[in-house]
Protein backbone atom coordinates (compact mmCIF):
# COMPACT_ATOMS: atom_id res chain seq x y z
CA MET A 1 -64.34 -54.28 19.51
CA GLY A 2 -66.93 -52.28 17.71
CA THR A 3 -66.41 -49.47 15.22
CA VAL A 4 -65.33 -46.01 16.63
CA ILE A 5 -66.86 -43.14 14.76
CA ALA A 6 -66.76 -39.50 15.06
CA SER A 7 -70.24 -37.83 14.51
CA ALA A 8 -71.76 -34.49 14.22
CA SER A 9 -74.53 -32.23 12.43
CA MET A 10 -72.24 -29.84 10.38
CA SER A 11 -72.78 -26.65 8.36
CA LEU A 12 -71.63 -26.56 4.67
CA ASP A 13 -68.60 -24.73 5.68
CA GLY A 14 -67.59 -27.22 8.16
CA TYR A 15 -68.88 -25.84 11.57
CA ILE A 16 -70.49 -27.92 14.28
CA ALA A 17 -71.53 -24.98 16.61
CA LYS A 18 -71.15 -21.24 16.93
CA ASP A 19 -68.13 -19.70 18.84
CA ASP A 20 -70.42 -19.57 22.09
CA ASN A 21 -71.32 -23.18 21.72
CA THR A 22 -74.88 -22.51 20.47
CA ILE A 23 -76.09 -24.52 17.41
CA GLY A 24 -77.80 -22.12 15.50
CA ARG A 25 -79.96 -23.95 12.62
CA LEU A 26 -77.66 -27.22 12.59
CA PHE A 27 -80.48 -29.22 14.62
CA ASP A 28 -83.37 -28.15 12.82
CA TRP A 29 -83.69 -31.26 10.96
CA LEU A 30 -84.39 -33.04 14.16
CA GLN A 31 -87.93 -31.36 14.18
CA ASN A 32 -88.77 -31.18 10.63
CA GLY A 33 -90.51 -34.42 9.96
CA GLU A 34 -93.61 -36.29 10.75
CA VAL A 35 -92.07 -39.35 12.27
CA GLU A 36 -91.75 -39.10 16.10
CA ILE A 37 -88.61 -40.57 17.46
CA PRO A 38 -88.77 -40.61 21.63
CA THR A 39 -85.52 -40.04 23.45
CA ALA A 40 -84.22 -41.07 26.82
CA SER A 41 -84.56 -37.30 27.93
CA PRO A 42 -88.15 -36.30 29.39
CA GLY A 43 -89.74 -33.91 27.15
CA ILE A 44 -87.42 -34.42 24.15
CA THR A 45 -89.12 -36.13 21.07
CA PHE A 46 -87.48 -35.73 17.66
CA HIS A 47 -89.73 -35.55 14.51
CA LEU A 48 -87.84 -36.70 11.59
CA SER A 49 -88.36 -37.24 7.77
CA PRO A 50 -88.83 -40.84 7.03
CA GLN A 51 -85.37 -41.05 5.33
CA SER A 52 -83.91 -39.36 8.56
CA ALA A 53 -85.95 -41.68 10.84
CA GLU A 54 -84.50 -44.97 9.35
CA TYR A 55 -81.11 -43.38 9.30
CA TRP A 56 -81.60 -42.63 12.94
CA ARG A 57 -82.78 -45.87 14.24
CA ARG A 58 -80.33 -47.87 12.61
CA TRP A 59 -77.52 -45.73 13.76
CA THR A 60 -78.81 -45.63 17.75
CA SER A 61 -79.59 -49.28 17.52
CA GLU A 62 -76.06 -50.04 17.11
CA LEU A 63 -74.75 -47.46 19.83
CA GLY A 64 -72.91 -48.92 22.60
CA ALA A 65 -71.14 -45.86 24.32
CA ILE A 66 -70.34 -42.29 23.81
CA VAL A 67 -67.14 -40.24 24.19
CA CYS A 68 -67.11 -36.54 24.54
CA GLY A 69 -64.88 -33.68 25.87
CA ARG A 70 -65.30 -31.73 29.24
CA THR A 71 -66.69 -28.78 27.21
CA LEU A 72 -69.55 -30.58 25.86
CA PHE A 73 -70.21 -32.32 29.30
CA ASP A 74 -70.26 -28.79 31.06
CA VAL A 75 -72.55 -27.05 28.31
CA THR A 76 -75.21 -29.82 28.65
CA ASP A 77 -74.59 -30.14 32.32
CA GLY A 78 -74.09 -33.95 31.62
CA TRP A 79 -77.55 -34.17 29.95
CA GLY A 80 -79.30 -34.11 33.43
CA GLY A 81 -77.39 -37.72 34.33
CA ARG A 82 -78.78 -39.48 31.17
CA HIS A 83 -77.60 -38.76 27.56
CA THR A 84 -80.58 -38.32 25.09
CA MET A 85 -79.71 -41.43 23.22
CA ASP A 86 -79.52 -43.60 26.46
CA ALA A 87 -75.84 -44.71 26.32
CA PRO A 88 -73.09 -44.77 28.55
CA VAL A 89 -70.94 -41.71 28.43
CA VAL A 90 -67.12 -41.47 28.79
CA VAL A 91 -65.94 -37.89 29.54
CA VAL A 92 -62.30 -36.69 28.61
CA THR A 93 -61.48 -34.41 31.39
CA HIS A 94 -58.53 -32.96 33.27
CA HIS A 95 -60.46 -32.94 36.64
CA VAL A 96 -63.48 -35.16 37.69
CA PRO A 97 -66.19 -33.04 38.54
CA THR A 98 -67.05 -34.73 41.96
CA GLU A 99 -69.84 -32.61 42.78
CA TRP A 100 -71.82 -33.46 39.83
CA VAL A 101 -70.83 -37.30 40.22
CA ASP A 102 -72.08 -36.89 43.90
CA ALA A 103 -75.55 -35.35 42.68
CA HIS A 104 -75.98 -38.08 40.01
CA PRO A 105 -74.88 -41.42 41.71
CA ASP A 106 -76.69 -43.64 39.18
CA ALA A 107 -75.47 -41.63 36.23
CA PRO A 108 -73.81 -44.30 33.76
CA PHE A 109 -70.93 -41.71 33.21
CA SER A 110 -67.14 -42.34 33.33
CA PHE A 111 -64.70 -39.62 33.63
CA VAL A 112 -61.03 -40.23 32.21
CA THR A 113 -58.17 -38.13 33.12
CA ALA A 114 -55.66 -40.04 31.24
CA GLY A 115 -56.47 -38.89 27.57
CA VAL A 116 -58.54 -39.97 24.70
CA GLU A 117 -56.73 -43.50 24.21
CA ALA A 118 -57.84 -44.28 27.51
CA ALA A 119 -61.11 -42.86 26.96
CA VAL A 120 -61.68 -44.71 23.90
CA ALA A 121 -60.55 -47.91 25.47
CA ARG A 122 -62.97 -47.42 28.30
CA ALA A 123 -65.76 -46.75 25.88
CA GLN A 124 -64.74 -50.12 23.95
CA GLU A 125 -65.08 -51.96 27.21
CA LEU A 126 -68.61 -50.57 27.82
CA ALA A 127 -69.90 -51.09 24.26
CA GLY A 128 -68.45 -54.36 23.58
CA ASP A 129 -68.90 -55.19 19.89
CA ARG A 130 -71.40 -52.25 19.45
CA LEU A 131 -70.43 -48.69 18.10
CA VAL A 132 -68.48 -45.96 20.15
CA ALA A 133 -69.44 -42.49 19.07
CA VAL A 134 -66.94 -39.68 19.43
CA THR A 135 -68.33 -35.99 19.69
CA ALA A 136 -66.83 -33.66 17.27
CA GLY A 137 -64.32 -30.90 18.01
CA THR A 138 -61.21 -31.23 19.95
CA ILE A 139 -61.71 -34.96 21.03
CA ALA A 140 -62.56 -35.98 17.38
CA ARG A 141 -59.27 -34.35 16.12
CA GLN A 142 -57.21 -36.09 18.98
CA CYS A 143 -58.95 -39.38 18.18
CA LEU A 144 -58.24 -38.77 14.28
CA GLU A 145 -54.68 -37.81 14.89
CA ARG A 146 -54.02 -40.74 17.14
CA GLY A 147 -55.41 -43.34 14.56
CA LEU A 148 -58.46 -44.26 16.74
CA LEU A 149 -61.19 -43.40 14.38
CA ASP A 150 -62.61 -46.01 11.88
CA GLU A 151 -65.49 -43.71 10.42
CA VAL A 152 -66.70 -40.08 10.30
CA ALA A 153 -70.37 -39.47 10.18
CA VAL A 154 -71.60 -36.35 9.01
CA ASP A 155 -75.28 -34.86 9.30
CA LEU A 156 -74.53 -32.20 6.55
CA VAL A 157 -76.91 -29.05 6.92
CA PRO A 158 -77.61 -26.67 4.14
CA VAL A 159 -76.45 -23.65 6.00
CA VAL A 160 -73.41 -21.27 6.02
CA MET A 161 -72.35 -20.34 9.18
CA GLY A 162 -69.13 -18.14 8.39
CA ARG A 163 -67.36 -18.82 11.63
CA GLY A 164 -67.70 -21.13 14.83
CA ARG A 165 -66.25 -24.32 15.97
CA PRO A 166 -65.07 -26.63 13.19
CA PHE A 167 -65.78 -30.46 13.14
CA PHE A 168 -62.03 -31.15 13.73
CA GLY A 169 -60.15 -27.96 14.29
CA GLU A 170 -56.70 -27.40 13.22
CA LEU A 171 -54.79 -30.59 12.80
CA THR A 172 -51.16 -31.02 13.85
CA GLN A 173 -50.08 -33.31 10.80
CA GLU A 174 -50.75 -33.31 7.13
CA ASP A 175 -54.37 -34.08 5.45
CA VAL A 176 -55.86 -36.94 6.59
CA PRO A 177 -57.57 -38.87 3.74
CA LEU A 178 -60.96 -40.47 3.93
CA GLY A 179 -62.59 -43.10 1.70
CA ASP A 180 -65.76 -42.40 -0.58
CA PRO A 181 -68.88 -42.25 1.62
CA THR A 182 -70.36 -45.79 2.47
CA VAL A 183 -73.78 -44.23 3.36
CA CYS A 184 -75.50 -41.42 1.84
CA VAL A 185 -78.94 -40.62 2.80
CA GLN A 186 -80.83 -37.55 1.75
CA GLY A 187 -83.23 -36.43 4.38
CA ASP A 188 -85.17 -33.22 4.75
CA ARG A 189 -82.69 -30.35 5.22
CA VAL A 190 -79.83 -32.89 5.85
CA THR A 191 -77.73 -35.46 4.12
CA HIS A 192 -76.39 -38.04 6.25
CA LEU A 193 -72.91 -39.25 5.13
CA VAL A 194 -70.47 -42.05 6.59
CA PHE A 195 -66.85 -41.84 5.55
CA PRO A 196 -64.29 -44.55 6.31
CA VAL A 197 -60.88 -43.45 7.64
CA VAL A 198 -58.03 -44.60 5.31
CA ARG A 199 -55.55 -46.36 7.32
């Protein structure tokens, strides 16, 4: 099975979004460089610094599936049926959005109602030996607490937000140690870091 990694752009004080789920300056780095990176979404092209572009291409070339929660799915309206990174998406939810599914019959989305373990297992099935990316927030916390994560990737943005939605939220257990970063790439207005989860 491929590596399971929680990933997010994060402020210096640990937030991945504002309380209303808007992102403020967290994604500015996706549009501040000269290297064009097309996405699977019509009308969305990233412009990255050379360092960020190299990191991004390596990361997305290894991506096999994405796991997200229902909140992100609803905020993005399921990315219109095709994720920007053009990977299958597994949504952890209490209820399958049947109207959305009917309206997007060809969308590579799976809806799992049996919890994060089942969602990660489904994503690994789809990804094979490729990377499974877990979005930050509640889903990342649940995966971390259940020992499902291999790595944590942070696109650290030099901004202080003061409040908002934290990367992992409040843990129900003691501190979870991470190893020293195995990746440290300095981009423009962002630093890309990858930390192994210590078992």
